[in-house]
């Protein structure tokens, strides 16, 4: 049984916007993970070199450092590519059903968020 404040339209209208936002978040997180991995490889190679190679030859240390540097550069390029893609993407707006205030729980949350912070927090 459906309650009077449940509407299927607002949820469906926001799906496209949320999918696009999640896509960019996942791509950004992947590039950040690549950068972190590259920096970790650089630090591992540097610390191993400072401690006499730590059982590894100079070729292994150099290849570890080069792999780390390439990952950092590739992630930097990937983040720049992602930001350029976001700048050139046309803005997406949710449907009119999502923006309607005063409809069920979603309208109450939207109207509460629209109030100034001074009206919400008590004055001490």
PDB file of N, CA and C in Angstrom:
ATOM      1  N   UNK A   1       0.835  -1.175   0.000  1.00  0.00           N
ATOM      2  CA  UNK A   1       0.000   0.000   0.000  1.00  0.00           C
ATOM      3  C   UNK A   1       0.889   1.251   0.000  1.00  0.00           C
ATOM      4  N   UNK A   2       0.571   2.176  -0.862  1.00  0.00           N
ATOM      5  CA  UNK A   2       1.377   3.397  -0.976  1.00  0.00           C
ATOM      6  C   UNK A   2       0.842   4.477  -0.062  1.00  0.00           C
ATOM      7  N   UNK A   3       1.747   5.164   0.563  1.00  0.00           N
ATOM      8  CA  UNK A   3       1.334   6.310   1.377  1.00  0.00           C
ATOM      9  C   UNK A   3       1.207   7.523   0.462  1.00  0.00           C
ATOM     10  N   UNK A   4       0.535   8.546   0.942  1.00  0.00           N
ATOM     11  CA  UNK A   4       0.299   9.733   0.111  1.00  0.00           C
ATOM     12  C   UNK A   4       1.568  10.540  -0.136  1.00  0.00           C
ATOM     13  N   UNK A   5       2.614  10.377   0.694  1.00  0.00           N
ATOM     14  CA  UNK A   5       3.817  11.186   0.507  1.00  0.00           C
ATOM     15  C   UNK A   5       4.902  10.447  -0.279  1.00  0.00           C
ATOM     16  N   UNK A   6       4.622   9.279  -0.810  1.00  0.00           N
ATOM     17  CA  UNK A   6       5.592   8.572  -1.628  1.00  0.00           C
ATOM     18  C   UNK A   6       5.307   8.827  -3.099  1.00  0.00           C
ATOM     19  N   UNK A   7       6.303   9.357  -3.778  1.00  0.00           N
ATOM     20  CA  UNK A   7       6.154   9.631  -5.206  1.00  0.00           C
ATOM     21  C   UNK A   7       7.288   8.935  -5.941  1.00  0.00           C
ATOM     22  N   UNK A   8       6.979   8.241  -7.005  1.00  0.00           N
ATOM     23  CA  UNK A   8       7.991   7.533  -7.779  1.00  0.00           C
ATOM     24  C   UNK A   8       8.729   8.469  -8.728  1.00  0.00           C
ATOM     25  N   UNK A   9       8.119   9.548  -9.153  1.00  0.00           N
ATOM     26  CA  UNK A   9       8.713  10.438 -10.142  1.00  0.00           C
ATOM     27  C   UNK A   9      10.011  11.103  -9.676  1.00  0.00           C
ATOM     28  N   UNK A  10      10.089  11.678  -8.463  1.00  0.00           N
ATOM     29  CA  UNK A  10      11.328  12.353  -8.084  1.00  0.00           C
ATOM     30  C   UNK A  10      12.537  11.428  -8.058  1.00  0.00           C
ATOM     31  N   UNK A  11      12.363  10.193  -7.677  1.00  0.00           N
ATOM     32  CA  UNK A  11      13.490   9.278  -7.615  1.00  0.00           C
ATOM     33  C   UNK A  11      13.982   8.976  -9.030  1.00  0.00           C
ATOM     34  N   UNK A  12      13.073   8.734  -9.963  1.00  0.00           N
ATOM     35  CA  UNK A  12      13.465   8.429 -11.334  1.00  0.00           C
ATOM     36  C   UNK A  12      14.104   9.635 -12.024  1.00  0.00           C
ATOM     37  N   UNK A  13      13.658  10.827 -11.711  1.00  0.00           N
ATOM     38  CA  UNK A  13      14.183  12.016 -12.378  1.00  0.00           C
ATOM     39  C   UNK A  13      15.632  12.285 -11.980  1.00  0.00           C
ATOM     40  N   UNK A  14      15.999  11.927 -10.779  1.00  0.00           N
ATOM     41  CA  UNK A  14      17.348  12.216 -10.301  1.00  0.00           C
ATOM     42  C   UNK A  14      18.340  11.120 -10.657  1.00  0.00           C
ATOM     43  N   UNK A  15      17.885   9.996 -11.186  1.00  0.00           N
ATOM     44  CA  UNK A  15      18.785   8.877 -11.467  1.00  0.00           C
ATOM     45  C   UNK A  15      19.899   9.251 -12.443  1.00  0.00           C
ATOM     46  N   UNK A  16      19.582   9.941 -13.518  1.00  0.00           N
ATOM     47  CA  UNK A  16      20.598  10.307 -14.504  1.00  0.00           C
ATOM     48  C   UNK A  16      21.655  11.225 -13.938  1.00  0.00           C
ATOM     49  N   UNK A  17      21.254  12.176 -13.110  1.00  0.00           N
ATOM     50  CA  UNK A  17      22.199  13.115 -12.512  1.00  0.00           C
ATOM     51  C   UNK A  17      23.096  12.385 -11.516  1.00  0.00           C
ATOM     52  N   UNK A  18      22.500  11.497 -10.727  1.00  0.00           N
ATOM     53  CA  UNK A  18      23.291  10.779  -9.729  1.00  0.00           C
ATOM     54  C   UNK A  18      24.267   9.816 -10.385  1.00  0.00           C
ATOM     55  N   UNK A  19      23.856   9.170 -11.456  1.00  0.00           N
ATOM     56  CA  UNK A  19      24.770   8.258 -12.151  1.00  0.00           C
ATOM     57  C   UNK A  19      25.970   8.999 -12.712  1.00  0.00           C
ATOM     58  N   UNK A  20      25.731  10.167 -13.290  1.00  0.00           N
ATOM     59  CA  UNK A  20      26.842  10.954 -13.832  1.00  0.00           C
ATOM     60  C   UNK A  20      27.782  11.399 -12.717  1.00  0.00           C
ATOM     61  N   UNK A  21      27.225  11.808 -11.594  1.00  0.00           N
ATOM     62  CA  UNK A  21      28.065  12.239 -10.472  1.00  0.00           C
ATOM     63  C   UNK A  21      28.877  11.076  -9.916  1.00  0.00           C
ATOM     64  N   UNK A  22      28.255   9.923  -9.761  1.00  0.00           N
ATOM     65  CA  UNK A  22      28.976   8.757  -9.259  1.00  0.00           C
ATOM     66  C   UNK A  22      30.056   8.310 -10.230  1.00  0.00           C
ATOM     67  N   UNK A  23      29.784   8.429 -11.527  1.00  0.00           N
ATOM     68  CA  UNK A  23      30.786   8.043 -12.516  1.00  0.00           C
ATOM     69  C   UNK A  23      32.039   8.892 -12.354  1.00  0.00           C
ATOM     70  N   UNK A  24      31.874  10.211 -12.217  1.00  0.00           N
ATOM     71  CA  UNK A  24      33.029  11.090 -12.072  1.00  0.00           C
ATOM     72  C   UNK A  24      33.730  10.857 -10.735  1.00  0.00           C
ATOM     73  N   UNK A  25      32.970  10.540  -9.695  1.00  0.00           N
ATOM     74  CA  UNK A  25      33.599  10.254  -8.404  1.00  0.00           C
ATOM     75  C   UNK A  25      34.448   8.988  -8.461  1.00  0.00           C
ATOM     76  N   UNK A  26      33.943   7.963  -9.109  1.00  0.00           N
ATOM     77  CA  UNK A  26      34.705   6.718  -9.218  1.00  0.00           C
ATOM     78  C   UNK A  26      35.961   6.923 -10.061  1.00  0.00           C
ATOM     79  N   UNK A  27      35.840   7.650 -11.157  1.00  0.00           N
ATOM     80  CA  UNK A  27      37.012   7.925 -11.996  1.00  0.00           C
ATOM     81  C   UNK A  27      38.051   8.733 -11.216  1.00  0.00           C
ATOM     82  N   UNK A  28      37.619   9.740 -10.497  1.00  0.00           N
ATOM     83  CA  UNK A  28      38.545  10.547  -9.694  1.00  0.00           C
ATOM     84  C   UNK A  28      39.229   9.729  -8.613  1.00  0.00           C
ATOM     85  N   UNK A  29      38.476   8.849  -7.945  1.00  0.00           N
ATOM     86  CA  UNK A  29      39.069   7.999  -6.922  1.00  0.00           C
ATOM     87  C   UNK A  29      40.091   7.034  -7.518  1.00  0.00           C
ATOM     88  N   UNK A  30      39.823   6.524  -8.710  1.00  0.00           N
ATOM     89  CA  UNK A  30      40.778   5.616  -9.360  1.00  0.00           C
ATOM     90  C   UNK A  30      42.083   6.340  -9.675  1.00  0.00           C
ATOM     91  N   UNK A  31      41.989   7.578 -10.162  1.00  0.00           N
ATOM     92  CA  UNK A  31      43.221   8.337 -10.451  1.00  0.00           C
ATOM     93  C   UNK A  31      43.958   8.691  -9.165  1.00  0.00           C
ATOM     94  N   UNK A  32      43.238   8.982  -8.106  1.00  0.00           N
ATOM     95  CA  UNK A  32      43.894   9.274  -6.834  1.00  0.00           C
ATOM     96  C   UNK A  32      44.591   8.034  -6.282  1.00  0.00           C
ATOM     97  N   UNK A  33      43.970   6.862  -6.462  1.00  0.00           N
ATOM     98  CA  UNK A  33      44.602   5.622  -6.024  1.00  0.00           C
ATOM     99  C   UNK A  33      45.881   5.359  -6.821  1.00  0.00           C
ATOM    100  N   UNK A  34      45.851   5.637  -8.114  1.00  0.00           N
ATOM    101  CA  UNK A  34      47.048   5.457  -8.944  1.00  0.00           C
ATOM    102  C   UNK A  34      48.157   6.401  -8.487  1.00  0.00           C
ATOM    103  N   UNK A  35      47.808   7.632  -8.160  1.00  0.00           N
ATOM    104  CA  UNK A  35      48.819   8.589  -7.687  1.00  0.00           C
ATOM    105  C   UNK A  35      49.409   8.135  -6.354  1.00  0.00           C
ATOM    106  N   UNK A  36      48.577   7.658  -5.452  1.00  0.00           N
ATOM    107  CA  UNK A  36      49.059   7.182  -4.159  1.00  0.00           C
ATOM    108  C   UNK A  36      49.982   5.982  -4.329  1.00  0.00           C
ATOM    109  N   UNK A  37      49.616   5.074  -5.227  1.00  0.00           N
ATOM    110  CA  UNK A  37      50.459   3.903  -5.483  1.00  0.00           C
ATOM    111  C   UNK A  37      51.805   4.331  -6.063  1.00  0.00           C
ATOM    112  N   UNK A  38      51.787   5.284  -7.000  1.00  0.00           N
ATOM    113  CA  UNK A  38      53.034   5.770  -7.586  1.00  0.00           C
ATOM    114  C   UNK A  38      53.934   6.434  -6.566  1.00  0.00           C
ATOM    115  N   UNK A  39      53.345   7.266  -5.701  1.00  0.00           N
ATOM    116  CA  UNK A  39      54.153   7.913  -4.665  1.00  0.00           C
ATOM    117  C   UNK A  39      54.702   6.891  -3.686  1.00  0.00           C
ATOM    118  N   UNK A  40      53.919   5.863  -3.389  1.00  0.00           N
ATOM    119  CA  UNK A  40      54.401   4.807  -2.488  1.00  0.00           C
ATOM    120  C   UNK A  40      55.583   4.067  -3.100  1.00  0.00           C
ATOM    121  N   UNK A  41      55.508   3.769  -4.398  1.00  0.00           N
ATOM    122  CA  UNK A  41      56.629   3.099  -5.053  1.00  0.00           C
ATOM    123  C   UNK A  41      57.878   3.969  -5.050  1.00  0.00           C
ATOM    124  N   UNK A  42      57.708   5.266  -5.251  1.00  0.00           N
ATOM    125  CA  UNK A  42      58.858   6.177  -5.204  1.00  0.00           C
ATOM    126  C   UNK A  42      59.504   6.183  -3.818  1.00  0.00           C
ATOM    127  N   UNK A  43      58.693   6.215  -2.786  1.00  0.00           N
ATOM    128  CA  UNK A  43      59.219   6.234  -1.416  1.00  0.00           C
ATOM    129  C   UNK A  43      59.884   4.905  -1.087  1.00  0.00           C
ATOM    130  N   UNK A  44      59.282   3.808  -1.511  1.00  0.00           N
ATOM    131  CA  UNK A  44      59.886   2.491  -1.262  1.00  0.00           C
ATOM    132  C   UNK A  44      61.251   2.401  -1.928  1.00  0.00           C
ATOM    133  N   UNK A  45      61.346   2.853  -3.156  1.00  0.00           N
ATOM    134  CA  UNK A  45      62.631   2.807  -3.867  1.00  0.00           C
ATOM    135  C   UNK A  45      63.658   3.709  -3.197  1.00  0.00           C
ATOM    136  N   UNK A  46      63.245   4.895  -2.770  1.00  0.00           N
ATOM    137  CA  UNK A  46      64.177   5.824  -2.127  1.00  0.00           C
ATOM    138  C   UNK A  46      64.666   5.273  -0.783  1.00  0.00           C
ATOM    139  N   UNK A  47      63.762   4.751   0.023  1.00  0.00           N
ATOM    140  CA  UNK A  47      64.172   4.212   1.327  1.00  0.00           C
ATOM    141  C   UNK A  47      65.047   2.971   1.167  1.00  0.00           C
ATOM    142  N   UNK A  48      64.717   2.139   0.184  1.00  0.00           N
ATOM    143  CA  UNK A  48      65.547   0.959  -0.059  1.00  0.00           C
ATOM    144  C   UNK A  48      66.942   1.367  -0.507  1.00  0.00           C
ATOM    145  N   UNK A  49      67.040   2.398  -1.331  1.00  0.00           N
ATOM    146  CA  UNK A  49      68.347   2.868  -1.787  1.00  0.00           C
ATOM    147  C   UNK A  49      69.160   3.446  -0.628  1.00  0.00           C
ATOM    148  N   UNK A  50      68.470   4.146   0.295  1.00  0.00           N
ATOM    149  CA  UNK A  50      69.171   4.719   1.449  1.00  0.00           C
ATOM    150  C   UNK A  50      69.683   3.642   2.395  1.00  0.00           C
ATOM    151  N   UNK A  51      69.048   2.494   2.414  1.00  0.00           N
ATOM    152  CA  UNK A  51      69.453   1.405   3.316  1.00  0.00           C
ATOM    153  C   UNK A  51      70.279   0.354   2.589  1.00  0.00           C
ATOM    154  N   UNK A  52      71.012   0.786   1.599  1.00  0.00           N
ATOM    155  CA  UNK A  52      71.931  -0.110   0.922  1.00  0.00           C
ATOM    156  C   UNK A  52      71.274  -1.069  -0.052  1.00  0.00           C
ATOM    157  N   UNK A  53      70.144  -0.735  -0.539  1.00  0.00           N
ATOM    158  CA  UNK A  53      69.465  -1.578  -1.516  1.00  0.00           C
ATOM    159  C   UNK A  53      68.472  -2.538  -0.911  1.00  0.00           C
ATOM    160  N   UNK A  54      68.584  -2.821   0.384  1.00  0.00           N
ATOM    161  CA  UNK A  54      67.672  -3.711   1.098  1.00  0.00           C
ATOM    162  C   UNK A  54      67.525  -5.047   0.380  1.00  0.00           C
ATOM    163  N   UNK A  55      68.633  -5.565  -0.140  1.00  0.00           N
ATOM    164  CA  UNK A  55      68.609  -6.848  -0.803  1.00  0.00           C
ATOM    165  C   UNK A  55      68.217  -6.804  -2.265  1.00  0.00           C
ATOM    166  N   UNK A  56      68.013  -5.628  -2.799  1.00  0.00           N
ATOM    167  CA  UNK A  56      67.632  -5.481  -4.209  1.00  0.00           C
ATOM    168  C   UNK A  56      68.781  -4.832  -4.969  1.00  0.00           C
ATOM    169  N   UNK A  57      68.875  -5.161  -6.233  1.00  0.00           N
ATOM    170  CA  UNK A  57      69.903  -4.568  -7.067  1.00  0.00           C
ATOM    171  C   UNK A  57      69.513  -3.176  -7.528  1.00  0.00           C
ATOM    172  N   UNK A  58      70.472  -2.448  -8.106  1.00  0.00           N
ATOM    173  CA  UNK A  58      70.176  -1.095  -8.578  1.00  0.00           C
ATOM    174  C   UNK A  58      69.153  -1.074  -9.714  1.00  0.00           C
ATOM    175  N   UNK A  59      69.120  -2.118 -10.524  1.00  0.00           N
ATOM    176  CA  UNK A  59      68.149  -2.167 -11.623  1.00  0.00           C
ATOM    177  C   UNK A  59      66.731  -2.293 -11.066  1.00  0.00           C
ATOM    178  N   UNK A  60      66.566  -3.110 -10.029  1.00  0.00           N
ATOM    179  CA  UNK A  60      65.244  -3.281  -9.418  1.00  0.00           C
ATOM    180  C   UNK A  60      64.773  -1.979  -8.767  1.00  0.00           C
ATOM    181  N   UNK A  61      65.682  -1.297  -8.090  1.00  0.00           N
ATOM    182  CA  UNK A  61      65.319  -0.022  -7.454  1.00  0.00           C
ATOM    183  C   UNK A  61      64.973   1.038  -8.496  1.00  0.00           C
ATOM    184  N   UNK A  62      65.761   1.074  -9.561  1.00  0.00           N
ATOM    185  CA  UNK A  62      65.500   2.050 -10.610  1.00  0.00           C
ATOM    186  C   UNK A  62      64.173   1.763 -11.316  1.00  0.00           C
ATOM    187  N   UNK A  63      63.879   0.505 -11.559  1.00  0.00           N
ATOM    188  CA  UNK A  63      62.601   0.177 -12.214  1.00  0.00           C
ATOM    189  C   UNK A  63      61.419   0.472 -11.302  1.00  0.00           C
ATOM    190  N   UNK A  64      61.577   0.254  -9.996  1.00  0.00           N
ATOM    191  CA  UNK A  64      60.508   0.595  -9.047  1.00  0.00           C
ATOM    192  C   UNK A  64      60.271   2.098  -9.029  1.00  0.00           C
ATOM    193  N   UNK A  65      61.346   2.872  -9.014  1.00  0.00           N
ATOM    194  CA  UNK A  65      61.214   4.330  -9.007  1.00  0.00           C
ATOM    195  C   UNK A  65      60.603   4.836 -10.313  1.00  0.00           C
ATOM    196  N   UNK A  66      61.009   4.263 -11.435  1.00  0.00           N
ATOM    197  CA  UNK A  66      60.455   4.693 -12.728  1.00  0.00           C
ATOM    198  C   UNK A  66      58.974   4.333 -12.842  1.00  0.00           C
ATOM    199  N   UNK A  67      58.603   3.170 -12.352  1.00  0.00           N
ATOM    200  CA  UNK A  67      57.187   2.782 -12.362  1.00  0.00           C
ATOM    201  C   UNK A  67      56.365   3.734 -11.506  1.00  0.00           C
ATOM    202  N   UNK A  68      56.893   4.087 -10.354  1.00  0.00           N
ATOM    203  CA  UNK A  68      56.190   5.035  -9.489  1.00  0.00           C
ATOM    204  C   UNK A  68      56.047   6.400 -10.136  1.00  0.00           C
ATOM    205  N   UNK A  69      57.113   6.864 -10.757  1.00  0.00           N
ATOM    206  CA  UNK A  69      57.058   8.169 -11.430  1.00  0.00           C
ATOM    207  C   UNK A  69      56.063   8.154 -12.588  1.00  0.00           C
ATOM    208  N   UNK A  70      56.046   7.063 -13.341  1.00  0.00           N
ATOM    209  CA  UNK A  70      55.078   6.970 -14.446  1.00  0.00           C
ATOM    210  C   UNK A  70      53.636   6.943 -13.941  1.00  0.00           C
ATOM    211  N   UNK A  71      53.397   6.247 -12.838  1.00  0.00           N
ATOM    212  CA  UNK A  71      52.041   6.231 -12.269  1.00  0.00           C
ATOM    213  C   UNK A  71      51.611   7.623 -11.802  1.00  0.00           C
ATOM    214  N   UNK A  72      52.527   8.345 -11.168  1.00  0.00           N
ATOM    215  CA  UNK A  72      52.192   9.705 -10.715  1.00  0.00           C
ATOM    216  C   UNK A  72      51.898  10.606 -11.904  1.00  0.00           C
ATOM    217  N   UNK A  73      52.727  10.540 -12.932  1.00  0.00           N
ATOM    218  CA  UNK A  73      52.495  11.375 -14.123  1.00  0.00           C
ATOM    219  C   UNK A  73      51.204  10.995 -14.837  1.00  0.00           C
ATOM    220  N   UNK A  74      50.938   9.697 -14.944  1.00  0.00           N
ATOM    221  CA  UNK A  74      49.703   9.258 -15.599  1.00  0.00           C
ATOM    222  C   UNK A  74      48.476   9.687 -14.804  1.00  0.00           C
ATOM    223  N   UNK A  75      48.549   9.626 -13.500  1.00  0.00           N
ATOM    224  CA  UNK A  75      47.397  10.040 -12.696  1.00  0.00           C
ATOM    225  C   UNK A  75      47.192  11.552 -12.772  1.00  0.00           C
ATOM    226  N   UNK A  76      48.289  12.312 -12.829  1.00  0.00           N
ATOM    227  CA  UNK A  76      48.173  13.759 -12.989  1.00  0.00           C
ATOM    228  C   UNK A  76      47.478  14.083 -14.308  1.00  0.00           C
ATOM    229  N   UNK A  77      47.893  13.403 -15.354  1.00  0.00           N
ATOM    230  CA  UNK A  77      47.270  13.592 -16.665  1.00  0.00           C
ATOM    231  C   UNK A  77      45.799  13.159 -16.635  1.00  0.00           C
ATOM    232  N   UNK A  78      45.512  12.075 -15.939  1.00  0.00           N
ATOM    233  CA  UNK A  78      44.136  11.591 -15.846  1.00  0.00           C
ATOM    234  C   UNK A  78      43.226  12.549 -15.102  1.00  0.00           C
ATOM    235  N   UNK A  79      43.735  13.148 -14.043  1.00  0.00           N
ATOM    236  CA  UNK A  79      42.928  14.126 -13.303  1.00  0.00           C
ATOM    237  C   UNK A  79      42.675  15.359 -14.167  1.00  0.00           C
ATOM    238  N   UNK A  80      43.683  15.802 -14.894  1.00  0.00           N
ATOM    239  CA  UNK A  80      43.482  16.941 -15.795  1.00  0.00           C
ATOM    240  C   UNK A  80      42.455  16.608 -16.873  1.00  0.00           C
ATOM    241  N   UNK A  81      42.518  15.389 -17.418  1.00  0.00           N
ATOM    242  CA  UNK A  81      41.543  14.947 -18.417  1.00  0.00           C
ATOM    243  C   UNK A  81      40.138  14.943 -17.828  1.00  0.00           C
ATOM    244  N   UNK A  82      40.020  14.449 -16.588  1.00  0.00           N
ATOM    245  CA  UNK A  82      38.714  14.392 -15.935  1.00  0.00           C
ATOM    246  C   UNK A  82      38.148  15.799 -15.706  1.00  0.00           C
ATOM    247  N   UNK A  83      38.978  16.718 -15.246  1.00  0.00           N
ATOM    248  CA  UNK A  83      38.503  18.079 -14.997  1.00  0.00           C
ATOM    249  C   UNK A  83      38.111  18.787 -16.289  1.00  0.00           C
ATOM    250  N   UNK A  84      38.862  18.552 -17.368  1.00  0.00           N
ATOM    251  CA  UNK A  84      38.482  19.130 -18.655  1.00  0.00           C
ATOM    252  C   UNK A  84      37.156  18.556 -19.140  1.00  0.00           C
ATOM    253  N   UNK A  85      36.946  17.273 -18.916  1.00  0.00           N
ATOM    254  CA  UNK A  85      35.677  16.649 -19.285  1.00  0.00           C
ATOM    255  C   UNK A  85      34.516  17.220 -18.491  1.00  0.00           C
ATOM    256  N   UNK A  86      34.755  17.509 -17.226  1.00  0.00           N
ATOM    257  CA  UNK A  86      33.697  18.105 -16.407  1.00  0.00           C
ATOM    258  C   UNK A  86      33.385  19.532 -16.838  1.00  0.00           C
ATOM    259  N   UNK A  87      34.409  20.284 -17.254  1.00  0.00           N
ATOM    260  CA  UNK A  87      34.176  21.659 -17.689  1.00  0.00           C
ATOM    261  C   UNK A  87      33.355  21.718 -18.969  1.00  0.00           C
ATOM    262  N   UNK A  88      33.580  20.773 -19.871  1.00  0.00           N
ATOM    263  CA  UNK A  88      32.906  20.807 -21.167  1.00  0.00           C
ATOM    264  C   UNK A  88      31.583  20.053 -21.180  1.00  0.00           C
ATOM    265  N   UNK A  89      31.264  19.365 -20.086  1.00  0.00           N
ATOM    266  CA  UNK A  89      30.003  18.634 -20.024  1.00  0.00           C
ATOM    267  C   UNK A  89      28.869  19.618 -19.751  1.00  0.00           C
ATOM    268  N   UNK A  90      27.762  19.504 -20.484  1.00  0.00           N
ATOM    269  CA  UNK A  90      26.649  20.421 -20.218  1.00  0.00           C
ATOM    270  C   UNK A  90      26.059  20.141 -18.840  1.00  0.00           C
ATOM    271  N   UNK A  91      25.617  21.189 -18.147  1.00  0.00           N
ATOM    272  CA  UNK A  91      25.061  20.978 -16.808  1.00  0.00           C
ATOM    273  C   UNK A  91      23.777  20.165 -16.884  1.00  0.00           C
ATOM    274  N   UNK A  92      23.632  19.263 -15.953  1.00  0.00           N
ATOM    275  CA  UNK A  92      22.414  18.442 -15.881  1.00  0.00           C
ATOM    276  C   UNK A  92      21.618  18.873 -14.674  1.00  0.00           C
ATOM    277  N   UNK A  93      20.368  18.964 -14.868  1.00  0.00           N
ATOM    278  CA  UNK A  93      19.485  19.340 -13.770  1.00  0.00           C
ATOM    279  C   UNK A  93      18.462  18.234 -13.560  1.00  0.00           C
ATOM    280  N   UNK A  94      18.080  18.009 -12.313  1.00  0.00           N
ATOM    281  CA  UNK A  94      17.044  17.024 -12.067  1.00  0.00           C
ATOM    282  C   UNK A  94      15.698  17.529 -12.586  1.00  0.00           C
ATOM    283  N   UNK A  95      14.789  16.624 -12.749  1.00  0.00           N
ATOM    284  CA  UNK A  95      13.455  16.987 -13.240  1.00  0.00           C
ATOM    285  C   UNK A  95      12.719  17.895 -12.280  1.00  0.00           C
ATOM    286  N   UNK A  96      11.613  18.438 -12.714  1.00  0.00           N
ATOM    287  CA  UNK A  96      10.870  19.391 -11.884  1.00  0.00           C
ATOM    288  C   UNK A  96      10.295  18.732 -10.649  1.00  0.00           C
ATOM    289  N   UNK A  97      10.071  17.421 -10.673  1.00  0.00           N
ATOM    290  CA  UNK A  97       9.515  16.729  -9.512  1.00  0.00           C
ATOM    291  C   UNK A  97      10.456  16.719  -8.333  1.00  0.00           C
ATOM    292  N   UNK A  98      11.750  16.707  -8.588  1.00  0.00           N
ATOM    293  CA  UNK A  98      12.721  16.673  -7.507  1.00  0.00           C
ATOM    294  C   UNK A  98      12.807  18.032  -6.819  1.00  0.00           C
ATOM    295  N   UNK A  99      12.653  19.094  -7.590  1.00  0.00           N
ATOM    296  CA  UNK A  99      12.804  20.442  -7.036  1.00  0.00           C
ATOM    297  C   UNK A  99      11.556  20.955  -6.329  1.00  0.00           C
ATOM    298  N   UNK A 100      10.442  20.263  -6.472  1.00  0.00           N
ATOM    299  CA  UNK A 100       9.194  20.725  -5.856  1.00  0.00           C
ATOM    300  C   UNK A 100       9.290  20.598  -4.347  1.00  0.00           C
ATOM    301  N   UNK A 101       9.044  21.682  -3.658  1.00  0.00           N
ATOM    302  CA  UNK A 101       9.107  21.674  -2.193  1.00  0.00           C
ATOM    303  C   UNK A 101       7.729  21.377  -1.624  1.00  0.00           C
ATOM    304  N   UNK A 102       7.738  20.826  -0.425  1.00  0.00           N
ATOM    305  CA  UNK A 102       6.477  20.593   0.260  1.00  0.00           C
ATOM    306  C   UNK A 102       5.800  19.284  -0.119  1.00  0.00           C
ATOM    307  N   UNK A 103       6.510  18.365  -0.717  1.00  0.00           N
ATOM    308  CA  UNK A 103       5.908  17.083  -1.073  1.00  0.00           C
ATOM    309  C   UNK A 103       6.596  15.976  -0.302  1.00  0.00           C
ATOM    310  N   UNK A 104       5.982  15.486   0.701  1.00  0.00           N
ATOM    311  CA  UNK A 104       6.493  14.345   1.430  1.00  0.00           C
ATOM    312  C   UNK A 104       7.792  14.634   2.158  1.00  0.00           C
ATOM    313  N   UNK A 105       8.526  13.583   2.417  1.00  0.00           N
ATOM    314  CA  UNK A 105       9.782  13.701   3.165  1.00  0.00           C
ATOM    315  C   UNK A 105      10.826  14.487   2.393  1.00  0.00           C
ATOM    316  N   UNK A 106      10.873  14.304   1.073  1.00  0.00           N
ATOM    317  CA  UNK A 106      11.878  14.997   0.274  1.00  0.00           C
ATOM    318  C   UNK A 106      11.659  16.501   0.312  1.00  0.00           C
ATOM    319  N   UNK A 107      10.434  16.934   0.268  1.00  0.00           N
ATOM    320  CA  UNK A 107      10.143  18.361   0.323  1.00  0.00           C
ATOM    321  C   UNK A 107      10.497  18.957   1.674  1.00  0.00           C
ATOM    322  N   UNK A 108      10.259  18.190   2.743  1.00  0.00           N
ATOM    323  CA  UNK A 108      10.617  18.680   4.068  1.00  0.00           C
ATOM    324  C   UNK A 108      12.123  18.805   4.205  1.00  0.00           C
ATOM    325  N   UNK A 109      12.884  17.840   3.671  1.00  0.00           N
ATOM    326  CA  UNK A 109      14.332  17.929   3.742  1.00  0.00           C
ATOM    327  C   UNK A 109      14.848  19.103   2.928  1.00  0.00           C
ATOM    328  N   UNK A 110      14.277  19.322   1.763  1.00  0.00           N
ATOM    329  CA  UNK A 110      14.721  20.428   0.915  1.00  0.00           C
ATOM    330  C   UNK A 110      14.401  21.766   1.563  1.00  0.00           C
ATOM    331  N   UNK A 111      13.229  21.883   2.175  1.00  0.00           N
ATOM    332  CA  UNK A 111      12.877  23.160   2.788  1.00  0.00           C
ATOM    333  C   UNK A 111      13.715  23.402   4.036  1.00  0.00           C
ATOM    334  N   UNK A 112      14.075  22.349   4.768  1.00  0.00           N
ATOM    335  CA  UNK A 112      14.924  22.523   5.939  1.00  0.00           C
ATOM    336  C   UNK A 112      16.330  22.930   5.520  1.00  0.00           C
ATOM    337  N   UNK A 113      16.804  22.403   4.403  1.00  0.00           N
ATOM    338  CA  UNK A 113      18.143  22.747   3.936  1.00  0.00           C
ATOM    339  C   UNK A 113      18.195  24.168   3.384  1.00  0.00           C
ATOM    340  N   UNK A 114      17.061  24.687   2.930  1.00  0.00           N
ATOM    341  CA  UNK A 114      17.037  26.015   2.346  1.00  0.00           C
ATOM    342  C   UNK A 114      17.018  27.111   3.414  1.00  0.00           C
ATOM    343  N   UNK A 115      16.653  26.767   4.646  1.00  0.00           N
ATOM    344  CA  UNK A 115      16.621  27.766   5.703  1.00  0.00           C
ATOM    345  C   UNK A 115      18.028  28.205   6.080  1.00  0.00           C
ATOM    346  N   UNK A 116      18.196  29.439   6.482  1.00  0.00           N
ATOM    347  CA  UNK A 116      19.531  29.872   6.905  1.00  0.00           C
ATOM    348  C   UNK A 116      19.948  29.151   8.183  1.00  0.00           C
ATOM    349  N   UNK A 117      21.250  29.029   8.378  1.00  0.00           N
ATOM    350  CA  UNK A 117      21.784  28.297   9.519  1.00  0.00           C
ATOM    351  C   UNK A 117      21.420  28.962  10.840  1.00  0.00           C
ATOM    352  N   UNK A 118      21.271  30.270  10.854  1.00  0.00           N
ATOM    353  CA  UNK A 118      20.917  30.968  12.077  1.00  0.00           C
ATOM    354  C   UNK A 118      19.530  30.573  12.574  1.00  0.00           C
ATOM    355  N   UNK A 119      18.632  30.209  11.658  1.00  0.00           N
ATOM    356  CA  UNK A 119      17.300  29.815  12.059  1.00  0.00           C
ATOM    357  C   UNK A 119      17.285  28.404  12.652  1.00  0.00           C
ATOM    358  N   UNK A 120      18.298  27.611  12.348  1.00  0.00           N
ATOM    359  CA  UNK A 120      18.331  26.228  12.814  1.00  0.00           C
ATOM    360  C   UNK A 120      19.078  26.107  14.136  1.00  0.00           C
ATOM    361  N   UNK A 121      20.199  26.795  14.283  1.00  0.00           N
ATOM    362  CA  UNK A 121      21.015  26.660  15.472  1.00  0.00           C
ATOM    363  C   UNK A 121      20.527  27.611  16.563  1.00  0.00           C
ATOM    364  N   UNK A 122      20.529  27.133  17.801  1.00  0.00           N
ATOM    365  CA  UNK A 122      20.094  28.009  18.896  1.00  0.00           C
ATOM    366  C   UNK A 122      21.158  29.049  19.229  1.00  0.00           C
ATOM    367  N   UNK A 123      20.719  30.190  19.678  1.00  0.00           N
ATOM    368  CA  UNK A 123      21.643  31.261  20.083  1.00  0.00           C
ATOM    369  C   UNK A 123      22.043  31.026  21.525  1.00  0.00           C
ATOM    370  N   UNK A 124      23.319  30.951  21.819  1.00  0.00           N
ATOM    371  CA  UNK A 124      23.792  30.692  23.198  1.00  0.00           C
ATOM    372  C   UNK A 124      24.096  31.957  23.880  1.00  0.00           C
TER     373      UNK A 124
END
